Amino acid sequence: MTICAPPSRREIFVAAAAGATLATACSRPHRRSGWLSYLVGTEPDTLDAAKCAGGSEILILAALFEPLTLQHPETMAPMAGLATHYNIERDGMRYTFYLRGHSSTRGVKLPGANALPTEFSRGLPSAPDDRPARWSDGKAITAHDVVYSWRRYLTPETGCIFANTLYCVSNAEAVASGKLPPEQLGVQAVDDYTFQIDLNAPAPYLLMLCSTSMTLPLPRHVIRAAREQGREASWVEPGRMVSSGPFVLSESKARERTVVARNPHYYDAHVVGVDGVRFSVADGAMVLNLYRAGLADSMDGRTLPLQLVPAMRRLDGFHSRPACASHNWRISAKRAPLDNVMLRYALNMATDKVATTRFLGSAQKPAKCRVPPIQGYQSPTRLPVEINGSTIDILQFNPRAARELWAAASHETHAPLPIYYGAVADSHVLAQVLQYQWRNHLGIETRLMPLEMRLYAQTVFQDGDFSGVAEDSYIANYPDPSDLLELYAVNYPNWSDPAYDRMLSAATSIAEPALRMTSLAQCEASLLKAMPFIPLYFDTWNYLERPDVHGLTLNPSGVPSFKYAWIQM
C-alpha cells in the first residue's frame, strides 16, 4: 500500500463511494419546518450518563440534560447552566454552586445566553436567575438531585467507567473502591439550591469538569422509582425518561434513530430554536447520500469518511474546525514483546506521522506528543534519550535508528505484531498505513485485528485485554492538559507508574496558571519517555451542514449546543 495515494486514485475512490453526488450535494432539502436532522457515525450506547461509554450518545445527552455549567459554543469557557453563580473558598478546596431558583446568590456570576454572539442567542435574553430549573415532568431541580447523581457516579455498583474523573472530590476514590459509603463523598446540599463540593486538592479545572457528561445531574426521583420496580435501566426509555435540558426523549430505535423534542419545562425554552432533533446513524457513502437527498442538515465532526473529505472541501456546506482531540496507537506495554520500552521507541520512530496526515488530506496535524494545542500550554517537541552510548530524539521520525534499535532490542523471532482497531473503513485505512510503514521501516510483520465496535471498546478500553497496539482516539472533555494526561494514571490497564501518578496529581492541583502548565508539560515529557502509546495526529472536525442551519458551530470538544440551533426559513 502506498502512503501518499495519487489524485487519480482518490478521485476514483470518491466516485465509487458517492457516485455523481457532488454537483447536487448542496441542493435545498425538503424538510419538516423546525426539525433538525443530525447524523452520527456510531450506534449510541445507553442514555444513562453514569453508564455510557463516551460514544455518540454524548451528543444526545447534550440535548437532553443540562450540566451545572455550560460550555461556550465556540471557546468552551464555562457559562451558566443549572448553576448561575459559584464561590471558591478554603484556598481552592471548596466550591459552592448556587442553582437556578436561589433567592440570595453570592460569588461569581456565570455568563448566560445574552453574552453570546447573535449567531447563537438570536438576541434573546437569558432566563432570570431566580427562575427555578425544572425536570421535564415539572418538578424543580435541586441540589439534592446533584448530590444523588454524583454519589451514583462513584458507587461501585453503577460501574461508571469515568468515575476516576471525580477523584478530585474528597473521598471519591475510596467511595469508588467500596472502602467508604457514598454518603461520605465530599458533596452536600447546603439547601435546596446550594450545592457544595469539598476537594482533596485544588482543581482549577473544576468549572470545566462540571460542564461534561461525567457530572450531569440526573432525576433521582425517576431512577429511584425504576429501581424500586426492579427495572432501573428502564428509566432511560421513551415515555419514562425525565430530562433537564432543552429537549426530551420522544423516540429511540436501535440501529435506526433517536428523536428528541422540545422540552416546554426548560428554563430557557424561549431561546431554543428548533422543535426537535432526529439523530440517525450513518457511515461511508450513506452520509453524503443522505445529505444530498435533504435527509441530513448537519452531522458529527467524525462522521464524514476520511477519504471523502478532500473532495468535499469545494462544497458550500463543508466546514472544518480545530479539535481538541488526540489520535494515538495504544501500546500493550505490560505484555511481550512491547513490555520492552526500546521496542516502543522503535515503533514510534518508524511511524511517519507527516506522511500519514498528508495521505489522509483531512487537515489533521502530525503529533509528536499527547496534548493537542491548548492556549498557554507547550508540549515537548524533542525528547533526547541516551541509548547504547548515543543520544536519540525518540519523538522524531527516524527509520534508520528505529530499525537498528529494534534489531538490538529484539532478541528472538516474534509472531506478527497484532494491530487492533474498530471494524470501520477509516480505522482499516489507518491500520493498513501503519502495517505498511512498519514493514518498510522496521522489516517486521503485523496482523490486522478488526473488532466489532462494542467488542473493541470492551477489549481495548475497559479490559485492556490485548497484545501489540490498538487504535485509541481521545476527545478532550474540556481544554486542559490534565484531561488528556490523566488517562494514563491510576487505573490505566496497559501501563502504570506510581511516580507519574504522583507527579500528575501534584501538577494538576497547582493554582498559579503558568507554573501549572509548565509542571503538566513535565508530566507529559515523563509520559512520553515511558511511551505507552504512539502519537499519530491531532484531529480536525470536518462536516457538512446546510447553509440555512445556524448555531451548531462545533467547538474543540466536538459537541454542538443544540439549544442554540435554528433554521433560517
Protein backbone atom coordinates (compact mmCIF):
# COMPACT_ATOMS: atom_id res chain seq x y z
CA MET A 1 0.00 0.00 0.00
CA THR A 2 1.33 3.45 -0.87
CA ILE A 3 1.49 6.11 1.78
CA CYS A 4 0.50 9.03 -0.45
CA ALA A 5 -2.20 7.95 -2.90
CA PRO A 6 -2.09 9.75 -6.27
CA PRO A 7 -5.02 12.10 -7.00
CA SER A 8 -6.48 9.80 -9.60
CA ARG A 9 -6.80 7.02 -7.06
CA ARG A 10 -8.54 9.29 -4.58
CA GLU A 11 -10.91 10.57 -7.27
CA ILE A 12 -11.74 7.01 -8.21
CA PHE A 13 -12.47 6.21 -4.57
CA VAL A 14 -14.73 9.23 -4.17
CA ALA A 15 -16.60 8.49 -7.38
CA ALA A 16 -17.16 4.88 -6.39
CA ALA A 17 -18.34 5.83 -2.90
CA ALA A 18 -20.52 8.79 -3.70
CA GLY A 19 -21.46 8.43 -7.34
CA ALA A 20 -22.42 11.68 -9.02
CA THR A 21 -23.44 13.34 -5.75
CA LEU A 22 -21.04 16.27 -5.62
CA ALA A 23 -22.82 18.51 -8.08
CA THR A 24 -26.11 18.31 -6.21
CA ALA A 25 -24.91 17.95 -2.62
CA CYS A 26 -25.93 21.49 -1.71
CA SER A 27 -29.46 21.30 -3.08
CA ARG A 28 -32.04 22.71 -0.69
CA PRO A 29 -33.75 19.92 1.29
CA HIS A 30 -37.44 19.32 1.66
CA ARG A 31 -37.67 19.40 5.44
CA ARG A 32 -40.34 19.46 8.07
CA SER A 33 -40.28 23.02 9.39
CA GLY A 34 -38.45 23.47 12.67
CA TRP A 35 -36.92 19.99 12.89
CA LEU A 36 -33.21 19.28 12.61
CA SER A 37 -31.77 16.06 11.15
CA TYR A 38 -28.35 15.22 12.58
CA LEU A 39 -26.05 12.33 11.60
CA VAL A 40 -23.79 10.39 13.97
CA GLY A 41 -21.26 7.80 12.89
CA THR A 42 -21.80 5.10 15.53
CA GLU A 43 -24.72 3.48 17.30
CA PRO A 44 -25.45 5.32 20.59
CA ASP A 45 -24.89 3.45 23.82
CA THR A 46 -27.17 3.79 26.84
CA LEU A 47 -28.50 7.28 27.60
CA ASP A 48 -27.78 6.77 31.30
CA ALA A 49 -24.86 9.19 31.68
CA ALA A 50 -23.49 7.16 34.59
CA LYS A 51 -23.18 4.04 32.45
CA CYS A 52 -22.39 5.25 28.92
CA ALA A 53 -19.07 4.57 27.19
CA GLY A 54 -18.50 8.04 25.77
CA GLY A 55 -19.55 7.48 22.13
CA SER A 56 -22.14 9.26 20.02
CA GLU A 57 -24.60 9.16 22.92
CA ILE A 58 -22.67 12.12 24.36
CA LEU A 59 -24.23 14.27 21.63
CA ILE A 60 -27.74 13.12 22.51
CA LEU A 61 -27.13 13.61 26.23
CA ALA A 62 -26.09 17.20 25.46
CA ALA A 63 -29.56 17.79 24.01
CA LEU A 64 -31.38 16.06 26.88
CA PHE A 65 -29.57 17.16 30.04
CA GLU A 66 -28.32 20.42 31.49
CA PRO A 67 -24.98 20.38 33.35
CA LEU A 68 -24.08 22.67 36.24
CA THR A 69 -22.09 24.80 33.79
CA LEU A 70 -22.49 25.01 30.04
CA GLN A 71 -19.63 25.33 27.58
CA HIS A 72 -19.40 28.41 25.41
CA PRO A 73 -20.34 27.07 21.95
CA GLU A 74 -17.06 28.31 20.46
CA THR A 75 -14.46 28.81 23.21
CA MET A 76 -15.66 26.16 25.73
CA ALA A 77 -15.39 28.76 28.53
CA PRO A 78 -17.78 28.00 31.45
CA MET A 79 -21.22 29.58 31.25
CA ALA A 80 -24.36 29.43 33.38
CA GLY A 81 -26.19 26.13 33.22
CA LEU A 82 -28.15 24.79 36.19
CA ALA A 83 -25.82 26.94 38.30
CA THR A 84 -25.79 30.72 37.84
CA HIS A 85 -23.12 31.64 40.43
CA TYR A 86 -20.21 29.97 42.20
CA ASN A 87 -17.88 30.71 45.07
CA ILE A 88 -14.40 29.31 45.80
CA GLU A 89 -13.16 29.04 49.40
CA ARG A 90 -10.53 27.31 51.53
CA ASP A 91 -7.67 28.03 49.11
CA GLY A 92 -9.45 26.35 46.23
CA MET A 93 -10.54 23.31 48.21
CA ARG A 94 -14.26 24.15 48.38
CA TYR A 95 -16.62 25.13 45.56
CA THR A 96 -20.16 26.28 46.22
CA PHE A 97 -22.65 26.42 43.34
CA TYR A 98 -25.87 28.41 43.50
CA LEU A 99 -28.55 26.82 41.37
CA ARG A 100 -31.35 28.47 39.43
CA GLY A 101 -34.12 29.46 41.83
CA HIS A 102 -31.76 30.55 44.62
CA SER A 103 -33.10 33.68 46.31
CA SER A 104 -29.76 35.10 47.51
CA THR A 105 -26.88 34.07 45.25
CA ARG A 106 -23.29 35.00 46.06
CA GLY A 107 -19.88 34.84 44.45
CA VAL A 108 -19.04 34.98 40.74
CA LYS A 109 -21.88 35.20 38.23
CA LEU A 110 -21.55 32.93 35.21
CA PRO A 111 -22.41 34.47 31.81
CA GLY A 112 -25.71 33.49 30.21
CA ALA A 113 -27.05 33.26 26.67
CA ASN A 114 -27.29 37.06 26.37
CA ALA A 115 -23.45 37.16 26.39
CA LEU A 116 -23.25 35.10 23.19
CA PRO A 117 -22.99 36.32 19.58
CA THR A 118 -26.38 36.60 17.87
CA GLU A 119 -25.50 33.54 15.74
CA PHE A 120 -26.34 31.54 18.88
CA SER A 121 -28.58 33.72 21.07
CA ARG A 122 -30.54 35.40 18.23
CA GLY A 123 -30.53 38.44 20.53
CA LEU A 124 -32.80 36.74 23.08
CA PRO A 125 -32.16 37.34 26.80
CA SER A 126 -31.33 34.60 29.30
CA ALA A 127 -33.96 33.47 31.79
CA PRO A 128 -33.78 35.29 35.15
CA ASP A 129 -31.54 33.55 37.69
CA ASP A 130 -34.31 33.25 40.27
CA ARG A 131 -36.44 31.13 37.94
CA PRO A 132 -36.01 27.52 39.10
CA ALA A 133 -34.84 24.94 36.57
CA ARG A 134 -37.28 22.06 36.27
CA TRP A 135 -37.25 18.46 35.19
CA SER A 136 -39.37 17.73 32.14
CA ASP A 137 -42.15 16.44 34.44
CA GLY A 138 -42.33 19.86 36.09
CA LYS A 139 -40.52 19.06 39.36
CA ALA A 140 -37.90 21.58 40.49
CA ILE A 141 -34.24 20.56 40.07
CA THR A 142 -32.48 20.84 43.41
CA ALA A 143 -29.04 20.40 44.94
CA HIS A 144 -30.29 17.08 46.35
CA ASP A 145 -30.55 15.77 42.77
CA VAL A 146 -26.93 16.78 42.14
CA VAL A 147 -25.69 15.11 45.33
CA TYR A 148 -27.59 11.91 44.49
CA SER A 149 -26.18 11.87 40.95
CA TRP A 150 -22.55 12.40 41.94
CA ARG A 151 -22.79 9.68 44.57
CA ARG A 152 -24.30 7.37 41.97
CA TYR A 153 -21.42 8.06 39.52
CA LEU A 154 -18.95 6.91 42.21
CA THR A 155 -20.87 3.92 43.62
CA PRO A 156 -19.11 0.68 42.52
CA GLU A 157 -22.45 -0.96 41.60
CA THR A 158 -23.03 1.71 38.95
CA GLY A 159 -19.91 0.69 37.02
CA CYS A 160 -19.18 4.17 35.68
CA ILE A 161 -16.06 3.87 33.53
CA PHE A 162 -15.31 7.57 34.00
CA ALA A 163 -15.55 7.53 37.80
CA ASN A 164 -11.88 8.50 38.09
CA THR A 165 -12.66 11.95 36.65
CA LEU A 166 -14.27 12.77 40.00
CA TYR A 167 -11.35 11.60 42.11
CA CYS A 168 -10.54 15.24 42.84
CA VAL A 169 -13.57 15.22 45.18
CA SER A 170 -12.89 14.36 48.81
CA ASN A 171 -13.21 10.60 49.49
CA ALA A 172 -14.17 9.91 45.85
CA GLU A 173 -11.59 7.19 45.22
CA ALA A 174 -12.43 5.44 48.49
CA VAL A 175 -16.14 5.50 47.62
CA ALA A 176 -15.45 4.17 44.09
CA SER A 177 -13.41 1.29 45.53
CA GLY A 178 -16.09 0.41 48.08
CA LYS A 179 -13.98 1.41 51.07
CA LEU A 180 -16.39 4.17 52.12
CA PRO A 181 -20.17 4.53 51.71
CA PRO A 182 -21.43 7.05 49.11
CA GLU A 183 -22.70 9.28 51.92
CA GLN A 184 -19.10 10.15 52.78
CA LEU A 185 -18.37 11.61 49.34
CA GLY A 186 -17.34 15.26 49.70
CA VAL A 187 -20.55 16.75 48.31
CA GLN A 188 -23.59 18.14 50.09
CA ALA A 189 -26.80 20.08 49.58
CA VAL A 190 -26.49 23.09 51.89
CA ASP A 191 -30.11 23.87 51.00
CA ASP A 192 -32.41 23.11 48.09
CA TYR A 193 -30.50 25.37 45.70
CA THR A 194 -26.93 25.31 47.05
CA PHE A 195 -24.56 22.51 46.04
CA GLN A 196 -21.16 22.29 47.75
CA ILE A 197 -18.06 20.31 46.83
CA ASP A 198 -15.03 19.66 49.04
CA LEU A 199 -11.87 18.60 47.22
CA ASN A 200 -8.77 16.56 48.03
CA ALA A 201 -6.61 19.27 46.48
CA PRO A 202 -7.22 22.39 44.39
CA ALA A 203 -8.73 21.58 40.99
CA PRO A 204 -8.51 24.68 38.77
CA TYR A 205 -10.35 22.78 36.01
CA LEU A 206 -13.46 22.05 38.13
CA LEU A 207 -15.74 24.60 36.44
CA MET A 208 -14.94 22.96 33.11
CA LEU A 209 -15.41 19.45 34.53
CA CYS A 210 -18.90 20.47 35.67
CA SER A 211 -19.88 21.03 32.03
CA THR A 212 -19.23 17.42 30.96
CA SER A 213 -21.41 14.34 30.70
CA MET A 214 -19.48 12.76 33.61
CA THR A 215 -21.08 15.18 36.09
CA LEU A 216 -24.62 15.60 34.73
CA PRO A 217 -27.33 15.86 37.41
CA LEU A 218 -29.87 13.08 36.83
CA PRO A 219 -33.50 12.71 38.07
CA ARG A 220 -33.20 10.90 41.39
CA HIS A 221 -36.99 10.50 41.82
CA VAL A 222 -37.28 8.72 38.46
CA ILE A 223 -34.20 6.50 38.91
CA ARG A 224 -35.25 5.53 42.43
CA ALA A 225 -38.76 4.64 41.25
CA ALA A 226 -37.38 2.47 38.44
CA ARG A 227 -35.02 0.74 40.88
CA GLU A 228 -37.85 0.01 43.32
CA GLN A 229 -39.70 -1.68 40.46
CA GLY A 230 -36.63 -3.83 39.79
CA ARG A 231 -36.08 -2.17 36.39
CA GLU A 232 -33.57 0.61 36.99
CA ALA A 233 -32.38 0.57 33.36
CA SER A 234 -35.91 1.39 32.17
CA TRP A 235 -35.70 5.00 33.32
CA VAL A 236 -33.98 5.97 30.04
CA GLU A 237 -36.79 4.59 27.84
CA PRO A 238 -39.02 6.95 25.82
CA GLY A 239 -42.10 7.79 27.88
CA ARG A 240 -40.19 7.11 31.12
CA MET A 241 -37.14 9.35 30.84
CA VAL A 242 -37.29 12.69 32.60
CA SER A 243 -34.67 15.18 31.46
CA SER A 244 -33.47 18.68 32.34
CA GLY A 245 -32.21 20.07 29.02
CA PRO A 246 -33.78 21.83 26.05
CA PHE A 247 -35.24 18.56 24.71
CA VAL A 248 -36.98 15.40 25.91
CA LEU A 249 -36.64 11.88 24.52
CA SER A 250 -39.58 11.02 22.27
CA GLU A 251 -38.31 8.02 20.26
CA SER A 252 -35.40 5.58 20.33
CA LYS A 253 -34.98 2.77 17.81
CA ALA A 254 -31.76 0.76 17.88
CA ARG A 255 -29.68 0.95 14.69
CA GLU A 256 -32.12 3.47 13.25
CA ARG A 257 -32.75 6.78 15.03
CA THR A 258 -33.16 8.67 18.28
CA VAL A 259 -35.59 11.59 18.33
CA VAL A 260 -35.75 14.40 20.88
CA ALA A 261 -38.49 17.05 21.04
CA ARG A 262 -38.69 20.50 22.60
CA ASN A 263 -38.97 20.50 26.42
CA PRO A 264 -41.66 23.02 27.48
CA HIS A 265 -40.40 22.95 31.09
CA TYR A 266 -36.86 24.01 30.17
CA TYR A 267 -35.93 27.24 31.97
CA ASP A 268 -34.60 28.80 28.73
CA ALA A 269 -37.27 27.33 26.43
CA HIS A 270 -37.73 30.70 24.70
CA VAL A 271 -34.10 30.51 23.46
CA VAL A 272 -34.43 27.01 21.91
CA GLY A 273 -34.63 27.50 18.15
CA VAL A 274 -35.86 24.14 16.78
CA ASP A 275 -38.80 21.90 17.62
CA GLY A 276 -36.67 18.79 17.82
CA VAL A 277 -33.66 16.84 16.59
CA ARG A 278 -33.56 13.50 14.79
CA PHE A 279 -30.28 11.66 15.37
CA SER A 280 -29.57 8.99 12.73
CA VAL A 281 -26.63 6.61 12.38
CA ALA A 282 -24.81 6.72 9.03
CA ASP A 283 -21.37 5.89 7.69
CA GLY A 284 -19.48 5.70 4.42
CA ALA A 285 -21.19 6.95 1.26
CA MET A 286 -24.53 6.93 3.09
CA VAL A 287 -23.51 10.17 4.85
CA LEU A 288 -23.11 12.02 1.57
CA ASN A 289 -26.23 10.48 0.01
CA LEU A 290 -28.42 11.47 2.98
CA TYR A 291 -27.07 15.00 2.86
CA ARG A 292 -27.68 15.26 -0.88
CA ALA A 293 -31.24 13.94 -0.50
CA GLY A 294 -32.05 16.59 2.12
CA LEU A 295 -32.34 13.99 4.89
CA ALA A 296 -29.42 15.41 6.89
CA ASP A 297 -28.98 19.02 7.98
CA SER A 298 -25.73 18.60 9.90
CA MET A 299 -23.53 15.92 11.39
CA ASP A 300 -20.97 14.93 13.97
CA GLY A 301 -17.46 16.09 13.05
CA ARG A 302 -16.27 12.47 12.84
CA THR A 303 -18.99 11.16 10.51
CA LEU A 304 -17.57 12.06 7.09
CA PRO A 305 -15.26 9.27 5.87
CA LEU A 306 -11.65 10.49 5.91
CA GLN A 307 -11.08 9.63 2.27
CA LEU A 308 -14.07 11.72 1.17
CA VAL A 309 -13.03 14.91 2.96
CA PRO A 310 -10.61 16.30 0.31
CA ALA A 311 -13.29 16.14 -2.38
CA MET A 312 -15.90 17.73 -0.08
CA ARG A 313 -13.93 20.90 0.54
CA ARG A 314 -15.36 22.68 -2.51
CA LEU A 315 -18.95 22.30 -1.29
CA ASP A 316 -20.69 25.35 0.19
CA GLY A 317 -21.81 23.31 3.19
CA PHE A 318 -18.37 21.99 4.11
CA HIS A 319 -16.90 23.09 7.46
CA SER A 320 -13.57 22.35 9.11
CA ARG A 321 -12.93 23.25 12.75
CA PRO A 322 -9.98 22.59 15.09
CA ALA A 323 -10.50 19.75 17.55
CA CYS A 324 -9.05 19.21 21.00
CA ALA A 325 -8.58 15.54 20.18
CA SER A 326 -5.60 13.22 20.11
CA HIS A 327 -5.40 10.16 17.85
CA ASN A 328 -2.88 7.56 19.07
CA TRP A 329 -1.94 3.92 18.87
CA ARG A 330 -2.25 2.49 22.39
CA ILE A 331 0.53 0.05 23.32
CA SER A 332 0.09 -3.02 25.47
CA ALA A 333 3.20 -2.19 27.49
CA LYS A 334 2.69 -4.93 30.10
CA ARG A 335 2.88 -7.79 27.59
CA ALA A 336 5.76 -9.09 25.49
CA PRO A 337 7.27 -8.01 23.27
CA LEU A 338 6.27 -4.38 23.88
CA ASP A 339 6.98 -4.51 27.59
CA ASN A 340 10.45 -3.52 26.33
CA VAL A 341 10.47 0.28 26.10
CA MET A 342 13.20 0.20 23.43
CA LEU A 343 10.82 -1.57 21.07
CA ARG A 344 8.18 1.04 21.83
CA TYR A 345 10.67 3.77 20.91
CA ALA A 346 11.44 1.94 17.67
CA LEU A 347 7.78 1.73 16.71
CA ASN A 348 7.31 5.45 17.32
CA MET A 349 10.40 6.46 15.32
CA ALA A 350 9.28 4.20 12.46
CA THR A 351 5.87 5.88 12.20
CA ASP A 352 5.77 8.69 9.65
CA LYS A 353 3.06 10.97 11.02
CA VAL A 354 3.61 13.65 8.36
CA ALA A 355 3.12 11.19 5.50
CA THR A 356 0.06 9.73 7.23
CA THR A 357 -1.72 13.06 7.59
CA ARG A 358 -0.73 14.08 4.06
CA PHE A 359 -2.27 10.86 2.75
CA LEU A 360 -5.49 11.43 4.71
CA GLY A 361 -5.72 15.00 3.42
CA SER A 362 -8.27 15.98 6.07
CA ALA A 363 -6.37 18.79 7.85
CA GLN A 364 -5.12 16.64 10.74
CA LYS A 365 -1.88 17.84 12.36
CA PRO A 366 1.02 15.37 12.82
CA ALA A 367 1.59 14.68 16.52
CA LYS A 368 4.77 14.12 18.48
CA CYS A 369 3.05 14.28 21.86
CA ARG A 370 -0.20 13.59 23.70
CA VAL A 371 -1.74 17.04 24.25
CA PRO A 372 -3.10 18.98 21.24
CA PRO A 373 -2.58 22.76 21.06
CA ILE A 374 -4.11 24.45 24.12
CA GLN A 375 -3.69 28.14 24.87
CA GLY A 376 -0.93 28.73 27.41
CA TYR A 377 0.48 25.20 27.16
CA GLN A 378 3.60 23.97 25.35
CA SER A 379 4.06 20.25 24.80
CA PRO A 380 7.54 18.71 24.46
CA THR A 381 8.72 18.65 20.84
CA ARG A 382 12.09 16.95 21.48
CA LEU A 383 13.00 14.21 23.92
CA PRO A 384 16.68 13.12 23.74
CA VAL A 385 17.33 9.75 25.39
CA GLU A 386 20.69 8.06 25.94
CA ILE A 387 20.57 4.65 24.25
CA ASN A 388 23.64 2.41 23.92
CA GLY A 389 26.03 5.33 24.20
CA SER A 390 24.19 7.52 21.68
CA THR A 391 21.67 10.31 22.15
CA ILE A 392 18.47 9.73 20.18
CA ASP A 393 15.45 12.00 19.98
CA ILE A 394 12.69 9.42 20.41
CA LEU A 395 9.98 11.83 19.20
CA GLN A 396 11.44 12.25 15.71
CA PHE A 397 10.72 10.14 12.63
CA ASN A 398 14.00 8.24 12.24
CA PRO A 399 13.53 4.89 10.46
CA ARG A 400 17.23 4.05 10.35
CA ALA A 401 17.68 4.45 14.12
CA ALA A 402 14.37 2.67 14.64
CA ARG A 403 15.46 -0.39 12.65
CA GLU A 404 18.78 -0.55 14.50
CA LEU A 405 17.07 -0.19 17.86
CA TRP A 406 14.51 -2.88 17.04
CA ALA A 407 17.25 -5.28 15.90
CA ALA A 408 19.30 -4.65 19.04
CA ALA A 409 16.37 -4.93 21.48
CA SER A 410 14.51 -7.83 19.88
CA HIS A 411 16.49 -10.97 20.74
CA GLU A 412 14.09 -13.53 19.36
CA THR A 413 11.70 -14.06 16.48
CA HIS A 414 8.21 -12.96 17.39
CA ALA A 415 4.86 -13.73 15.86
CA PRO A 416 3.34 -10.93 13.76
CA LEU A 417 2.53 -7.94 15.94
CA PRO A 418 -1.27 -7.51 16.35
CA ILE A 419 -2.85 -4.18 15.33
CA TYR A 420 -6.34 -3.84 16.85
CA TYR A 421 -8.96 -1.38 15.63
CA GLY A 422 -12.70 -0.93 15.31
CA ALA A 423 -14.14 -2.59 12.20
CA VAL A 424 -14.91 0.62 10.28
CA ALA A 425 -13.45 1.84 6.99
CA ASP A 426 -11.41 4.77 8.33
CA SER A 427 -9.75 2.66 11.01
CA HIS A 428 -8.93 -0.05 8.49
CA VAL A 429 -7.15 2.52 6.31
CA LEU A 430 -5.10 3.77 9.26
CA ALA A 431 -4.18 0.21 10.27
CA GLN A 432 -3.03 -0.54 6.72
CA VAL A 433 -0.87 2.60 6.71
CA LEU A 434 0.74 1.51 9.97
CA GLN A 435 1.27 -2.01 8.67
CA TYR A 436 2.94 -0.69 5.52
CA GLN A 437 5.22 1.71 7.39
CA TRP A 438 6.43 -0.82 9.94
CA ARG A 439 7.08 -3.44 7.27
CA ASN A 440 9.16 -0.96 5.26
CA HIS A 441 10.87 0.92 8.07
CA LEU A 442 11.38 -1.91 10.58
CA GLY A 443 11.12 -5.05 8.50
CA ILE A 444 8.51 -6.54 10.84
CA GLU A 445 5.23 -8.28 10.08
CA THR A 446 1.94 -7.32 11.69
CA ARG A 447 -1.53 -8.83 11.84
CA LEU A 448 -4.63 -6.67 11.38
CA MET A 449 -7.24 -7.37 14.08
CA PRO A 450 -10.55 -5.60 13.34
CA LEU A 451 -13.23 -5.98 16.02
CA GLU A 452 -16.92 -5.05 16.10
CA MET A 453 -17.17 -1.68 17.86
CA ARG A 454 -18.74 -2.82 21.13
CA LEU A 455 -16.29 -5.71 21.46
CA TYR A 456 -13.45 -3.37 20.54
CA ALA A 457 -14.40 -0.88 23.28
CA GLN A 458 -14.71 -3.69 25.82
CA THR A 459 -11.43 -5.37 24.82
CA VAL A 460 -9.23 -2.29 24.48
CA PHE A 461 -10.62 0.41 26.74
CA GLN A 462 -12.38 -1.40 29.56
CA ASP A 463 -10.40 -4.63 29.93
CA GLY A 464 -7.13 -3.70 28.22
CA ASP A 465 -7.03 -7.36 27.21
CA PHE A 466 -4.85 -7.30 24.09
CA SER A 467 -1.24 -7.51 22.97
CA GLY A 468 0.51 -5.33 20.40
CA VAL A 469 -1.11 -1.97 19.60
CA ALA A 470 -4.67 -0.66 19.33
CA GLU A 471 -6.19 2.44 17.81
CA ASP A 472 -7.03 4.98 20.50
CA SER A 473 -8.83 8.25 19.78
CA TYR A 474 -9.47 10.61 22.68
CA ILE A 475 -11.52 13.81 22.61
CA ALA A 476 -10.83 16.18 25.49
CA ASN A 477 -13.86 16.86 27.64
CA TYR A 478 -12.50 20.33 28.36
CA PRO A 479 -9.44 22.26 27.15
CA ASP A 480 -6.97 21.42 29.90
CA PRO A 481 -3.86 19.20 29.59
CA SER A 482 -4.79 17.27 32.72
CA ASP A 483 -7.82 15.77 30.99
CA LEU A 484 -5.61 14.19 28.32
CA LEU A 485 -2.82 13.12 30.66
CA GLU A 486 -4.87 11.58 33.45
CA LEU A 487 -5.99 8.66 31.25
CA TYR A 488 -2.60 7.07 31.96
CA ALA A 489 -2.85 7.48 35.73
CA VAL A 490 -4.40 5.34 38.46
CA ASN A 491 -6.36 2.57 36.67
CA TYR A 492 -4.86 2.57 33.16
CA PRO A 493 -4.70 -1.16 32.28
CA ASN A 494 -1.75 -1.31 29.84
CA TRP A 495 0.95 0.61 31.69
CA SER A 496 1.44 2.06 35.16
CA ASP A 497 3.91 4.18 37.07
CA PRO A 498 3.10 5.39 40.60
CA ALA A 499 5.71 8.13 40.23
CA TYR A 500 3.85 9.51 37.20
CA ASP A 501 0.56 9.36 39.15
CA ARG A 502 2.04 11.42 42.00
CA MET A 503 3.71 13.86 39.61
CA LEU A 504 0.49 14.45 37.68
CA SER A 505 -1.61 14.81 40.82
CA ALA A 506 0.75 17.47 42.17
CA ALA A 507 0.93 19.38 38.87
CA THR A 508 -2.85 19.34 38.33
CA SER A 509 -3.55 20.98 41.70
CA ILE A 510 -1.18 23.94 41.25
CA ALA A 511 -3.20 27.15 41.37
CA GLU A 512 -0.79 29.52 39.57
CA PRO A 513 -1.63 29.07 35.82
CA ALA A 514 1.85 29.43 34.25
CA LEU A 515 3.55 27.19 36.81
CA ARG A 516 0.75 24.65 36.48
CA MET A 517 1.17 24.45 32.70
CA THR A 518 4.95 24.10 33.00
CA SER A 519 4.54 21.28 35.52
CA LEU A 520 1.97 19.50 33.36
CA ALA A 521 4.38 19.70 30.40
CA GLN A 522 6.99 17.97 32.57
CA CYS A 523 4.42 15.25 33.27
CA GLU A 524 3.84 14.85 29.56
CA ALA A 525 7.59 14.54 28.94
CA SER A 526 7.76 11.81 31.60
CA LEU A 527 4.84 10.01 29.96
CA LEU A 528 6.43 10.22 26.51
CA LYS A 529 9.67 8.80 27.86
CA ALA A 530 7.74 5.74 29.06
CA MET A 531 5.84 5.72 25.72
CA PRO A 532 2.70 3.66 26.47
CA PHE A 533 1.27 5.00 23.20
CA ILE A 534 2.39 6.19 19.77
CA PRO A 535 1.21 9.74 18.96
CA LEU A 536 -0.26 9.90 15.45
CA TYR A 537 -2.16 13.13 14.81
CA PHE A 538 -4.33 15.86 16.30
CA ASP A 539 -7.78 15.71 14.83
CA THR A 540 -9.97 18.20 12.96
CA TRP A 541 -13.77 18.28 12.78
CA ASN A 542 -14.86 18.00 9.15
CA TYR A 543 -18.57 18.06 8.43
CA LEU A 544 -21.34 19.09 6.04
CA GLU A 545 -24.07 21.47 7.19
CA ARG A 546 -26.90 23.18 5.34
CA PRO A 547 -26.28 26.90 4.74
CA ASP A 548 -29.63 27.72 6.37
CA VAL A 549 -28.67 25.95 9.64
CA HIS A 550 -27.23 28.20 12.35
CA GLY A 551 -25.94 27.93 15.92
CA LEU A 552 -24.33 24.48 15.59
CA THR A 553 -20.69 25.55 15.27
CA LEU A 554 -18.51 22.77 16.66
CA ASN A 555 -16.23 23.80 19.50
CA PRO A 556 -12.99 21.85 20.16
CA SER A 557 -14.85 19.14 22.10
CA GLY A 558 -17.00 18.41 19.04
CA VAL A 559 -20.28 18.63 20.96
CA PRO A 560 -22.61 21.26 19.48
CA SER A 561 -25.05 23.33 21.56
CA PHE A 562 -28.36 22.06 20.20
CA LYS A 563 -30.04 24.60 22.45
CA TYR A 564 -28.87 27.36 20.11
CA ALA A 565 -29.60 25.63 16.79
CA TRP A 566 -32.01 27.42 14.47
CA ILE A 567 -33.03 27.19 10.83
CA GLN A 568 -33.36 30.24 8.63
CA MET A 569 -36.60 29.89 6.72
